[in-house]
Amino acid sequence: MAPAVGSESGRRWWAVALAALVGAGCAPGDERSALSSREILLDPTLPAWSEAAPDTFLARFETSAGDFAIEVVRAWAPVGADRFYNLVRHGYYDDARFHRTVPDFIVQWGLAGDPEVTAAWIGETIRDDDAVLASNVRGTIAFAFTEPHTRTTQVYINLVDNSRLDAQGFPPFGRVVEGMEVVDRIYPGYGESSGGGLRRGDQSAIVAGGNDYLDREFPMLTRLLRATVERGSKE
C-alpha cells in the first residue's frame, strides 16, 4: 500500500514508482495511463506535473453541449501553457462544470468536481508570464487570477473581443480552433450567481462542495466530461 498522499514519505514513494515505470520502458507520454489516479491529483508536488508542454498541441474537450478543441501555442505564454498541459493530460478538468458563463464576456471553469482535489490545488500558484503576446480576442483562452502571480487552475475563453484585458496582464496561451459554436452554447442562465469570478464572486461553496453542490443548486450547468491532449509537437 502506498503511503499517505501529501506526506514526505508519500512523495518519495510516488517518485520511486515513477522512476521504476520509466525504467521499465514507459514513455513520459504514458504517465497518465500508467499513474493516473486520485492520489496523483491530490499531490501537485509530484514530478508528473512539471513536464514542459509541446511547442503546440491540441486539447480536446468533450462536454454535454458538444466537443471543442483548443490549440495551445506555448510561445504565447509558456508558464501558463505548461500548467494547462499538465492539468489536461492528468485529468484535472474531467467531470468539472462550466461554473461561470457571462454572455458577451467569457466562459470560465477550473474548479475540480472533487473538493479534495480543489483543496490540494487552490494554493498551487504559478508565476506570471513575462508579457501578454497574444490578445484576448474572441476564442482565446487564458488563466483567471486576482493578484500578480496567483494563477492556479481556473481558465476562461473569451466569447467576444476582450482585448481590454491585455493591459490587465491576462496572457492567452491558446485559442479555440474547432467547435466555437459549442462554446457559445455553454449554459449562460446563471451568470455570476453560480460561482462568479475570482475577482467578482465568492466561490467558497464550490470549493467546499464541488459537483455535489453545483449539481444540486445549478443543475443546468454545462458539464465538462473529459479533456485530453490529442496531438502535439516538440519540434
Protein backbone atom coordinates (compact mmCIF):
# COMPACT_ATOMS: atom_id res chain seq x y z
CA MET A 1 0.00 0.00 0.00
CA ALA A 2 1.27 3.46 -0.87
CA PRO A 3 2.00 5.90 1.98
CA ALA A 4 -0.41 8.77 2.60
CA VAL A 5 -0.55 11.22 -0.29
CA GLY A 6 0.88 14.63 0.58
CA SER A 7 3.29 13.27 3.23
CA GLU A 8 7.02 13.33 2.68
CA SER A 9 7.12 9.54 2.55
CA GLY A 10 4.22 9.60 0.09
CA ARG A 11 6.02 11.95 -2.27
CA ARG A 12 9.15 9.77 -2.12
CA TRP A 13 7.07 6.63 -2.80
CA TRP A 14 5.45 8.11 -5.91
CA ALA A 15 8.76 9.47 -7.17
CA VAL A 16 10.29 5.99 -6.87
CA ALA A 17 7.24 4.47 -8.56
CA LEU A 18 7.52 6.88 -11.46
CA ALA A 19 11.23 6.15 -11.85
CA ALA A 20 10.53 2.43 -11.85
CA LEU A 21 7.88 2.74 -14.54
CA VAL A 22 10.12 4.83 -16.75
CA GLY A 23 12.93 2.37 -16.21
CA ALA A 24 10.60 -0.42 -17.21
CA GLY A 25 10.03 1.20 -20.56
CA CYS A 26 7.05 3.54 -20.01
CA ALA A 27 7.47 6.68 -22.06
CA PRO A 28 6.70 10.06 -20.45
CA GLY A 29 3.57 10.31 -22.57
CA ASP A 30 2.28 7.14 -20.87
CA GLU A 31 2.28 8.69 -17.39
CA ARG A 32 -1.45 9.31 -17.35
CA SER A 33 -2.36 5.76 -18.29
CA ALA A 34 0.31 4.29 -16.02
CA LEU A 35 -0.10 6.50 -12.94
CA SER A 36 -3.35 8.42 -13.27
CA SER A 37 -5.34 8.23 -10.06
CA ARG A 38 -6.96 10.35 -7.44
CA GLU A 39 -3.71 10.14 -5.49
CA ILE A 40 -1.81 11.81 -8.32
CA LEU A 41 -4.38 14.61 -8.48
CA LEU A 42 -4.10 15.12 -4.73
CA ASP A 43 -0.35 15.81 -4.81
CA PRO A 44 0.65 18.73 -7.08
CA THR A 45 4.29 18.41 -5.99
CA LEU A 46 4.88 15.18 -7.92
CA PRO A 47 7.32 15.28 -10.86
CA ALA A 48 4.47 14.17 -13.14
CA TRP A 49 3.12 17.74 -13.01
CA SER A 50 6.28 19.51 -14.15
CA GLU A 51 6.65 18.43 -17.78
CA ALA A 52 7.07 21.25 -20.31
CA ALA A 53 4.31 21.45 -22.91
CA PRO A 54 4.99 20.82 -26.60
CA ASP A 55 5.56 23.90 -28.73
CA THR A 56 1.98 23.48 -29.93
CA PHE A 57 -0.66 20.94 -29.03
CA LEU A 58 -4.37 20.35 -29.39
CA ALA A 59 -6.53 19.86 -26.30
CA ARG A 60 -9.96 18.37 -26.97
CA PHE A 61 -12.88 18.95 -24.61
CA GLU A 62 -15.89 16.64 -24.54
CA THR A 63 -18.88 18.40 -22.95
CA SER A 64 -22.60 17.91 -22.52
CA ALA A 65 -23.07 20.63 -25.16
CA GLY A 66 -20.73 19.02 -27.72
CA ASP A 67 -16.98 18.98 -28.35
CA PHE A 68 -14.49 21.75 -28.92
CA ALA A 69 -10.73 21.87 -29.37
CA ILE A 70 -8.10 24.37 -28.27
CA GLU A 71 -4.76 24.85 -29.97
CA VAL A 72 -2.16 25.86 -27.40
CA VAL A 73 0.85 27.88 -28.56
CA ARG A 74 3.49 27.65 -25.84
CA ALA A 75 5.44 30.67 -27.11
CA TRP A 76 2.48 32.93 -26.29
CA ALA A 77 2.63 32.18 -22.55
CA PRO A 78 4.94 29.29 -21.66
CA VAL A 79 4.28 29.24 -17.92
CA GLY A 80 0.53 29.13 -18.43
CA ALA A 81 0.78 26.64 -21.30
CA ASP A 82 2.83 24.23 -19.18
CA ARG A 83 0.33 24.35 -16.32
CA PHE A 84 -2.62 23.82 -18.67
CA TYR A 85 -0.89 20.95 -20.47
CA ASN A 86 -0.29 19.04 -17.25
CA LEU A 87 -3.77 19.70 -15.86
CA VAL A 88 -5.35 18.37 -19.07
CA ARG A 89 -3.16 15.32 -19.52
CA HIS A 90 -3.62 14.18 -15.91
CA GLY A 91 -7.37 14.60 -15.94
CA TYR A 92 -7.78 17.54 -13.56
CA TYR A 93 -10.62 19.04 -15.61
CA ASP A 94 -12.51 15.78 -16.15
CA ASP A 95 -16.07 15.82 -14.78
CA ALA A 96 -15.96 19.54 -13.96
CA ARG A 97 -18.66 22.17 -14.54
CA PHE A 98 -18.53 25.39 -16.52
CA HIS A 99 -19.43 27.32 -13.40
CA ARG A 100 -19.37 30.84 -14.83
CA THR A 101 -20.77 31.97 -18.17
CA VAL A 102 -21.29 35.68 -18.72
CA PRO A 103 -22.89 36.47 -22.10
CA ASP A 104 -20.84 38.80 -24.27
CA PHE A 105 -17.84 38.25 -22.00
CA ILE A 106 -16.38 34.86 -21.01
CA VAL A 107 -16.91 31.18 -20.14
CA GLN A 108 -14.92 30.06 -17.10
CA TRP A 109 -14.09 26.74 -15.42
CA GLY A 110 -11.32 25.07 -13.45
CA LEU A 111 -12.56 24.08 -10.02
CA ALA A 112 -12.40 20.29 -9.75
CA GLY A 113 -15.54 18.26 -9.23
CA ASP A 114 -13.92 16.60 -6.22
CA PRO A 115 -13.50 19.21 -3.45
CA GLU A 116 -10.45 17.43 -2.02
CA VAL A 117 -8.69 17.85 -5.36
CA THR A 118 -9.64 21.52 -5.50
CA ALA A 119 -8.29 21.97 -1.96
CA ALA A 120 -4.97 20.40 -2.98
CA TRP A 121 -4.54 22.83 -5.88
CA ILE A 122 -6.08 26.06 -4.64
CA GLY A 123 -2.74 27.37 -3.34
CA GLU A 124 -0.58 25.97 -6.14
CA THR A 125 0.11 29.24 -7.90
CA ILE A 126 2.36 29.85 -10.88
CA ARG A 127 4.29 32.99 -11.67
CA ASP A 128 3.08 35.39 -14.32
CA ASP A 129 4.32 35.07 -17.88
CA ASP A 130 6.72 37.80 -18.92
CA ALA A 131 4.35 39.55 -21.31
CA VAL A 132 0.94 39.42 -22.97
CA LEU A 133 1.91 38.42 -26.51
CA ALA A 134 -1.50 37.35 -27.84
CA SER A 135 -4.60 39.47 -27.40
CA ASN A 136 -7.80 38.47 -25.57
CA VAL A 137 -9.86 38.31 -28.74
CA ARG A 138 -12.87 36.03 -29.25
CA GLY A 139 -11.97 32.36 -28.87
CA THR A 140 -8.71 32.79 -26.97
CA ILE A 141 -8.10 31.14 -23.60
CA ALA A 142 -6.20 32.42 -20.57
CA PHE A 143 -5.91 31.81 -16.84
CA ALA A 144 -8.03 33.76 -14.38
CA PHE A 145 -6.28 35.36 -11.40
CA THR A 146 -6.69 38.02 -8.72
CA GLU A 147 -3.29 39.49 -7.96
CA PRO A 148 0.05 39.08 -9.79
CA HIS A 149 1.48 35.54 -9.64
CA THR A 150 -1.79 33.94 -8.43
CA ARG A 151 -2.81 31.78 -11.41
CA THR A 152 -3.76 28.25 -10.35
CA THR A 153 -6.27 26.12 -12.32
CA GLN A 154 -9.16 28.34 -13.46
CA VAL A 155 -9.27 29.36 -17.12
CA TYR A 156 -11.64 31.28 -19.33
CA ILE A 157 -12.49 31.52 -23.03
CA ASN A 158 -13.29 34.93 -24.45
CA LEU A 159 -16.74 34.99 -26.05
CA VAL A 160 -16.12 38.41 -27.63
CA ASP A 161 -13.20 40.72 -28.24
CA ASN A 162 -11.97 41.41 -24.69
CA SER A 163 -8.66 42.96 -25.69
CA ARG A 164 -9.07 45.42 -22.82
CA LEU A 165 -7.93 42.53 -20.59
CA ASP A 166 -4.48 42.63 -22.21
CA ALA A 167 -3.47 45.68 -20.20
CA GLN A 168 -4.57 43.92 -17.00
CA GLY A 169 -1.99 41.19 -17.57
CA PHE A 170 -4.13 38.25 -18.74
CA PRO A 171 -1.97 36.41 -21.33
CA PRO A 172 -3.81 34.00 -23.66
CA PHE A 173 -1.94 30.75 -24.27
CA GLY A 174 -4.22 29.28 -26.93
CA ARG A 175 -7.37 29.60 -29.00
CA VAL A 176 -10.43 27.58 -29.93
CA VAL A 177 -9.85 26.09 -33.38
CA GLU A 178 -12.82 23.71 -33.51
CA GLY A 179 -16.29 23.99 -32.04
CA MET A 180 -16.58 27.66 -31.10
CA GLU A 181 -20.29 27.23 -31.72
CA VAL A 182 -20.25 24.67 -28.88
CA VAL A 183 -18.55 27.16 -26.56
CA ASP A 184 -21.29 29.64 -27.48
CA ARG A 185 -23.88 27.04 -26.36
CA ILE A 186 -22.46 26.57 -22.85
CA TYR A 187 -25.30 27.33 -20.48
CA PRO A 188 -25.37 31.04 -19.54
CA GLY A 189 -28.54 31.26 -17.48
CA TYR A 190 -26.96 31.54 -14.03
CA GLY A 191 -24.49 34.29 -14.92
CA GLU A 192 -22.38 35.26 -11.91
CA SER A 193 -24.67 33.55 -9.37
CA SER A 194 -23.31 30.04 -9.95
CA GLY A 195 -19.78 30.94 -8.94
CA GLY A 196 -18.77 34.34 -10.15
CA GLY A 197 -15.17 35.09 -10.91
CA LEU A 198 -12.10 35.12 -8.73
CA ARG A 199 -12.40 38.89 -8.52
CA ARG A 200 -16.19 39.25 -8.56
CA GLY A 201 -17.69 36.39 -6.59
CA ASP A 202 -17.44 34.13 -3.55
CA GLN A 203 -16.52 30.64 -4.75
CA SER A 204 -16.25 29.06 -1.30
CA ALA A 205 -19.40 26.95 -1.75
CA ILE A 206 -18.00 25.37 -4.94
CA VAL A 207 -14.62 24.81 -3.32
CA ALA A 208 -16.25 23.09 -0.34
CA GLY A 209 -18.98 21.18 -2.15
CA GLY A 210 -17.69 20.52 -5.67
CA ASN A 211 -20.06 18.87 -8.12
CA ASP A 212 -22.50 17.83 -5.38
CA TYR A 213 -23.14 21.49 -4.61
CA LEU A 214 -23.25 22.68 -8.22
CA ASP A 215 -25.49 19.86 -9.43
CA ARG A 216 -27.92 20.47 -6.60
CA GLU A 217 -28.07 24.27 -6.79
CA PHE A 218 -27.36 24.86 -10.50
CA PRO A 219 -28.43 21.69 -12.35
CA MET A 220 -28.47 23.31 -15.80
CA LEU A 221 -24.73 24.00 -15.87
CA THR A 222 -22.93 22.51 -18.86
CA ARG A 223 -20.71 19.60 -17.87
CA LEU A 224 -17.11 19.12 -18.93
CA LEU A 225 -16.97 15.37 -19.40
CA ARG A 226 -13.34 14.82 -20.39
CA ALA A 227 -10.31 16.75 -21.61
CA THR A 228 -7.43 15.15 -23.48
CA VAL A 229 -4.22 16.12 -25.23
CA GLU A 230 -4.91 14.95 -28.77
CA ARG A 231 -1.70 15.82 -30.54
CA GLY A 232 1.41 17.91 -30.12
CA SER A 233 4.92 18.51 -31.30
CA LYS A 234 8.17 19.38 -29.56
CA GLU A 235 9.80 20.42 -32.82
